[in-house]
Amino acid sequence: MVFKEQTFHGLEPEMEAEIANRASVEAAVANALAIAGGIDASDVEVTMEKDQIVLSGTVGTVGEIERATAVAMAVEGVHNVQNRILLGGFSLDGTH
């Protein structure tokens, strides 16, 4: 049997611990949004891209969009939040 040095074409595969940690942080943010007052997060999706949490989906008010960011930032392990939540089909900055 011959052992060769590992080579990767493109990006090196993520380590399992990193994936588990990412899933743990996503779940913690989703849970925090689900139990937080002042927001109906039933149509909000939480994902993690690189080192930031990304919120997407729709809510009913601008206040809920702002509340979602605040709730996500309060979760341990979250350092950055990108909020892509739409308000009635429109984002906070007015784009579609």
N, C-alpha and C. Protein backbone atom coordinates (compact mmCIF):
# COMPACT_ATOMS: atom_id res chain seq x y z
N MET A 1 0.84 -1.17 0.00
CA MET A 1 0.00 0.00 0.00
C MET A 1 0.89 1.24 0.00
N VAL A 2 0.56 2.20 -0.82
CA VAL A 2 1.34 3.44 -0.94
C VAL A 2 0.49 4.59 -0.41
N PHE A 3 1.08 5.39 0.47
CA PHE A 3 0.38 6.55 0.99
C PHE A 3 0.91 7.79 0.28
N LYS A 4 -0.03 8.56 -0.26
CA LYS A 4 0.35 9.78 -0.96
C LYS A 4 -0.11 10.98 -0.13
N GLU A 5 0.56 12.08 -0.32
CA GLU A 5 0.14 13.31 0.31
C GLU A 5 -1.23 13.69 -0.25
N GLN A 6 -2.11 14.16 0.64
CA GLN A 6 -3.45 14.54 0.20
C GLN A 6 -3.37 15.78 -0.68
N THR A 7 -4.09 15.74 -1.77
CA THR A 7 -4.18 16.91 -2.64
C THR A 7 -5.64 17.23 -2.85
N PHE A 8 -5.94 18.50 -2.95
CA PHE A 8 -7.31 18.97 -3.12
C PHE A 8 -7.37 19.85 -4.34
N HIS A 9 -8.39 19.68 -5.09
CA HIS A 9 -8.61 20.51 -6.27
C HIS A 9 -9.60 21.60 -5.87
N GLY A 10 -9.12 22.81 -5.73
CA GLY A 10 -9.99 23.90 -5.29
C GLY A 10 -9.85 24.09 -3.79
N LEU A 11 -10.99 24.17 -3.10
CA LEU A 11 -10.99 24.41 -1.66
C LEU A 11 -10.75 23.13 -0.89
N GLU A 12 -10.01 23.24 0.19
CA GLU A 12 -9.79 22.10 1.07
C GLU A 12 -11.11 21.78 1.77
N PRO A 13 -11.45 20.52 1.94
CA PRO A 13 -12.73 20.17 2.57
C PRO A 13 -12.81 20.69 4.00
N GLU A 14 -14.03 21.04 4.42
CA GLU A 14 -14.24 21.53 5.77
C GLU A 14 -14.08 20.38 6.76
N MET A 15 -13.63 20.71 7.92
CA MET A 15 -13.49 19.70 8.96
C MET A 15 -14.87 19.44 9.58
N GLU A 16 -15.11 18.22 10.01
CA GLU A 16 -16.40 17.85 10.59
C GLU A 16 -16.74 18.70 11.80
N ALA A 17 -15.76 19.02 12.62
CA ALA A 17 -16.02 19.84 13.81
C ALA A 17 -16.52 21.21 13.42
N GLU A 18 -15.96 21.76 12.36
CA GLU A 18 -16.40 23.08 11.89
C GLU A 18 -17.85 23.02 11.41
N ILE A 19 -18.20 21.97 10.71
CA ILE A 19 -19.57 21.80 10.22
C ILE A 19 -20.53 21.65 11.40
N ALA A 20 -20.14 20.86 12.39
CA ALA A 20 -20.97 20.66 13.58
C ALA A 20 -21.16 21.97 14.32
N ASN A 21 -20.09 22.76 14.45
CA ASN A 21 -20.19 24.05 15.12
C ASN A 21 -21.11 24.99 14.36
N ARG A 22 -20.98 25.01 13.04
CA ARG A 22 -21.83 25.86 12.20
C ARG A 22 -23.30 25.49 12.41
N ALA A 23 -23.59 24.20 12.38
CA ALA A 23 -24.97 23.73 12.57
C ALA A 23 -25.48 24.09 13.95
N SER A 24 -24.61 24.00 14.94
CA SER A 24 -24.98 24.34 16.31
C SER A 24 -25.34 25.82 16.44
N VAL A 25 -24.54 26.68 15.84
CA VAL A 25 -24.81 28.12 15.89
C VAL A 25 -26.10 28.45 15.13
N GLU A 26 -26.28 27.86 13.95
CA GLU A 26 -27.52 28.07 13.18
C GLU A 26 -28.74 27.67 14.01
N ALA A 27 -28.67 26.50 14.65
CA ALA A 27 -29.78 26.02 15.45
C ALA A 27 -30.05 26.93 16.65
N ALA A 28 -28.99 27.41 17.28
CA ALA A 28 -29.14 28.30 18.44
C ALA A 28 -29.82 29.61 18.03
N VAL A 29 -29.44 30.15 16.88
CA VAL A 29 -30.06 31.40 16.40
C VAL A 29 -31.52 31.14 16.03
N ALA A 30 -31.80 30.06 15.32
CA ALA A 30 -33.18 29.74 14.94
C ALA A 30 -34.04 29.57 16.18
N ASN A 31 -33.52 28.90 17.21
CA ASN A 31 -34.27 28.70 18.44
C ASN A 31 -34.51 30.03 19.14
N ALA A 32 -33.49 30.88 19.19
CA ALA A 32 -33.63 32.19 19.83
C ALA A 32 -34.70 33.03 19.13
N LEU A 33 -34.72 32.97 17.80
CA LEU A 33 -35.73 33.72 17.04
C LEU A 33 -37.13 33.16 17.31
N ALA A 34 -37.22 31.83 17.44
CA ALA A 34 -38.52 31.19 17.64
C ALA A 34 -39.14 31.56 18.98
N ILE A 35 -38.30 31.75 20.00
CA ILE A 35 -38.85 32.04 21.33
C ILE A 35 -38.81 33.52 21.70
N ALA A 36 -38.20 34.33 20.86
CA ALA A 36 -38.08 35.77 21.15
C ALA A 36 -39.43 36.45 21.00
N GLY A 37 -39.69 37.37 21.87
CA GLY A 37 -40.89 38.19 21.74
C GLY A 37 -40.66 39.28 20.71
N GLY A 38 -41.72 39.76 20.13
CA GLY A 38 -41.62 40.88 19.21
C GLY A 38 -41.27 40.51 17.78
N ILE A 39 -41.29 39.20 17.47
CA ILE A 39 -41.01 38.79 16.09
C ILE A 39 -41.71 37.48 15.80
N ASP A 40 -42.33 37.41 14.62
CA ASP A 40 -42.88 36.16 14.11
C ASP A 40 -41.86 35.62 13.12
N ALA A 41 -41.03 34.68 13.58
CA ALA A 41 -39.92 34.18 12.77
C ALA A 41 -40.28 32.90 12.04
N SER A 42 -41.55 32.61 11.90
CA SER A 42 -41.94 31.35 11.26
C SER A 42 -41.53 31.28 9.80
N ASP A 43 -41.31 32.42 9.15
CA ASP A 43 -40.88 32.43 7.75
C ASP A 43 -39.44 32.93 7.59
N VAL A 44 -38.65 32.81 8.66
CA VAL A 44 -37.26 33.27 8.63
C VAL A 44 -36.34 32.05 8.60
N GLU A 45 -35.38 32.08 7.68
CA GLU A 45 -34.40 31.01 7.55
C GLU A 45 -33.06 31.51 8.07
N VAL A 46 -32.36 30.65 8.81
CA VAL A 46 -31.06 30.99 9.38
C VAL A 46 -30.00 30.09 8.76
N THR A 47 -28.99 30.69 8.16
CA THR A 47 -27.86 29.94 7.64
C THR A 47 -26.57 30.63 8.07
N MET A 48 -25.47 29.92 7.93
CA MET A 48 -24.18 30.51 8.26
C MET A 48 -23.31 30.44 7.02
N GLU A 49 -22.82 31.58 6.59
CA GLU A 49 -21.92 31.67 5.44
C GLU A 49 -20.60 32.23 5.94
N LYS A 50 -19.56 31.42 5.78
CA LYS A 50 -18.23 31.77 6.30
C LYS A 50 -18.34 32.02 7.79
N ASP A 51 -18.13 33.23 8.25
CA ASP A 51 -18.17 33.48 9.69
C ASP A 51 -19.35 34.36 10.11
N GLN A 52 -20.38 34.44 9.27
CA GLN A 52 -21.50 35.28 9.63
C GLN A 52 -22.83 34.54 9.49
N ILE A 53 -23.77 34.92 10.33
CA ILE A 53 -25.13 34.40 10.25
C ILE A 53 -25.87 35.19 9.19
N VAL A 54 -26.63 34.49 8.34
CA VAL A 54 -27.45 35.14 7.32
C VAL A 54 -28.91 34.83 7.62
N LEU A 55 -29.69 35.88 7.77
CA LEU A 55 -31.13 35.76 7.99
C LEU A 55 -31.84 36.08 6.69
N SER A 56 -32.77 35.23 6.28
CA SER A 56 -33.56 35.49 5.08
C SER A 56 -34.98 35.04 5.32
N GLY A 57 -35.88 35.48 4.46
CA GLY A 57 -37.30 35.16 4.61
C GLY A 57 -38.12 36.43 4.66
N THR A 58 -39.30 36.34 5.25
CA THR A 58 -40.18 37.50 5.33
C THR A 58 -40.78 37.65 6.72
N VAL A 59 -41.04 38.89 7.08
CA VAL A 59 -41.74 39.24 8.32
C VAL A 59 -42.73 40.36 8.01
N GLY A 60 -43.54 40.73 9.01
CA GLY A 60 -44.59 41.70 8.77
C GLY A 60 -44.25 43.15 8.99
N THR A 61 -43.21 43.43 9.80
CA THR A 61 -42.91 44.83 10.11
C THR A 61 -41.41 45.11 10.07
N VAL A 62 -41.07 46.38 9.94
CA VAL A 62 -39.67 46.79 9.99
C VAL A 62 -39.10 46.49 11.37
N GLY A 63 -39.90 46.66 12.40
CA GLY A 63 -39.45 46.36 13.75
C GLY A 63 -39.02 44.91 13.90
N GLU A 64 -39.73 44.00 13.25
CA GLU A 64 -39.37 42.58 13.31
C GLU A 64 -38.03 42.32 12.62
N ILE A 65 -37.77 43.03 11.54
CA ILE A 65 -36.48 42.88 10.85
C ILE A 65 -35.36 43.31 11.78
N GLU A 66 -35.52 44.45 12.42
CA GLU A 66 -34.51 44.96 13.34
C GLU A 66 -34.37 44.05 14.55
N ARG A 67 -35.49 43.54 15.05
CA ARG A 67 -35.47 42.65 16.22
C ARG A 67 -34.74 41.35 15.89
N ALA A 68 -34.92 40.83 14.69
CA ALA A 68 -34.25 39.59 14.29
C ALA A 68 -32.74 39.74 14.34
N THR A 69 -32.23 40.87 13.88
CA THR A 69 -30.79 41.12 13.93
C THR A 69 -30.31 41.17 15.37
N ALA A 70 -31.04 41.88 16.22
CA ALA A 70 -30.65 42.01 17.63
C ALA A 70 -30.65 40.65 18.33
N VAL A 71 -31.67 39.85 18.08
CA VAL A 71 -31.76 38.53 18.70
C VAL A 71 -30.61 37.64 18.23
N ALA A 72 -30.33 37.64 16.93
CA ALA A 72 -29.24 36.82 16.39
C ALA A 72 -27.90 37.25 16.97
N MET A 73 -27.65 38.54 17.09
CA MET A 73 -26.38 39.03 17.62
C MET A 73 -26.19 38.65 19.08
N ALA A 74 -27.28 38.43 19.82
CA ALA A 74 -27.20 38.10 21.24
C ALA A 74 -26.83 36.63 21.47
N VAL A 75 -26.85 35.81 20.43
CA VAL A 75 -26.55 34.38 20.58
C VAL A 75 -25.04 34.19 20.69
N GLU A 76 -24.64 33.35 21.64
CA GLU A 76 -23.22 33.06 21.83
C GLU A 76 -22.63 32.43 20.57
N GLY A 77 -21.49 32.94 20.15
CA GLY A 77 -20.82 32.43 18.95
C GLY A 77 -21.12 33.23 17.70
N VAL A 78 -22.06 34.18 17.78
CA VAL A 78 -22.40 35.01 16.63
C VAL A 78 -21.63 36.33 16.74
N HIS A 79 -20.90 36.64 15.66
CA HIS A 79 -20.10 37.87 15.65
C HIS A 79 -20.54 38.82 14.56
N ASN A 80 -21.24 38.30 13.55
CA ASN A 80 -21.67 39.09 12.41
C ASN A 80 -23.02 38.58 11.93
N VAL A 81 -23.92 39.48 11.58
CA VAL A 81 -25.22 39.09 11.05
C VAL A 81 -25.49 39.87 9.78
N GLN A 82 -25.85 39.16 8.72
CA GLN A 82 -26.30 39.81 7.50
C GLN A 82 -27.80 39.54 7.42
N ASN A 83 -28.58 40.61 7.45
CA ASN A 83 -30.03 40.47 7.46
C ASN A 83 -30.58 40.69 6.06
N ARG A 84 -31.10 39.61 5.46
CA ARG A 84 -31.72 39.67 4.14
C ARG A 84 -33.23 39.47 4.23
N ILE A 85 -33.77 39.67 5.41
CA ILE A 85 -35.21 39.48 5.61
C ILE A 85 -35.98 40.53 4.83
N LEU A 86 -37.04 40.09 4.18
CA LEU A 86 -37.89 40.99 3.39
C LEU A 86 -39.12 41.39 4.18
N LEU A 87 -39.59 42.58 3.92
CA LEU A 87 -40.80 43.11 4.53
C LEU A 87 -41.90 43.12 3.48
N GLY A 88 -42.83 42.24 3.60
CA GLY A 88 -43.95 42.21 2.66
C GLY A 88 -43.50 42.21 1.21
N GLY A 89 -42.41 41.49 0.90
CA GLY A 89 -41.90 41.42 -0.46
C GLY A 89 -40.83 42.45 -0.76
N PHE A 90 -40.53 43.32 0.18
CA PHE A 90 -39.49 44.34 -0.01
C PHE A 90 -38.50 44.25 1.12
N SER A 91 -37.22 44.48 0.82
CA SER A 91 -36.19 44.47 1.87
C SER A 91 -36.19 45.80 2.58
N LEU A 92 -35.47 45.87 3.68
CA LEU A 92 -35.39 47.08 4.49
C LEU A 92 -34.85 48.26 3.69
N ASP A 93 -33.96 47.99 2.73
CA ASP A 93 -33.39 49.09 1.94
C ASP A 93 -34.22 49.41 0.70
N GLY A 94 -35.39 48.75 0.56
CA GLY A 94 -36.30 49.08 -0.53
C GLY A 94 -36.12 48.29 -1.80
N THR A 95 -35.14 47.37 -1.83
CA THR A 95 -34.95 46.57 -3.03
C THR A 95 -35.88 45.37 -3.01
N HIS A 96 -36.07 44.75 -4.16
CA HIS A 96 -36.96 43.59 -4.25
C HIS A 96 -36.21 42.32 -4.04
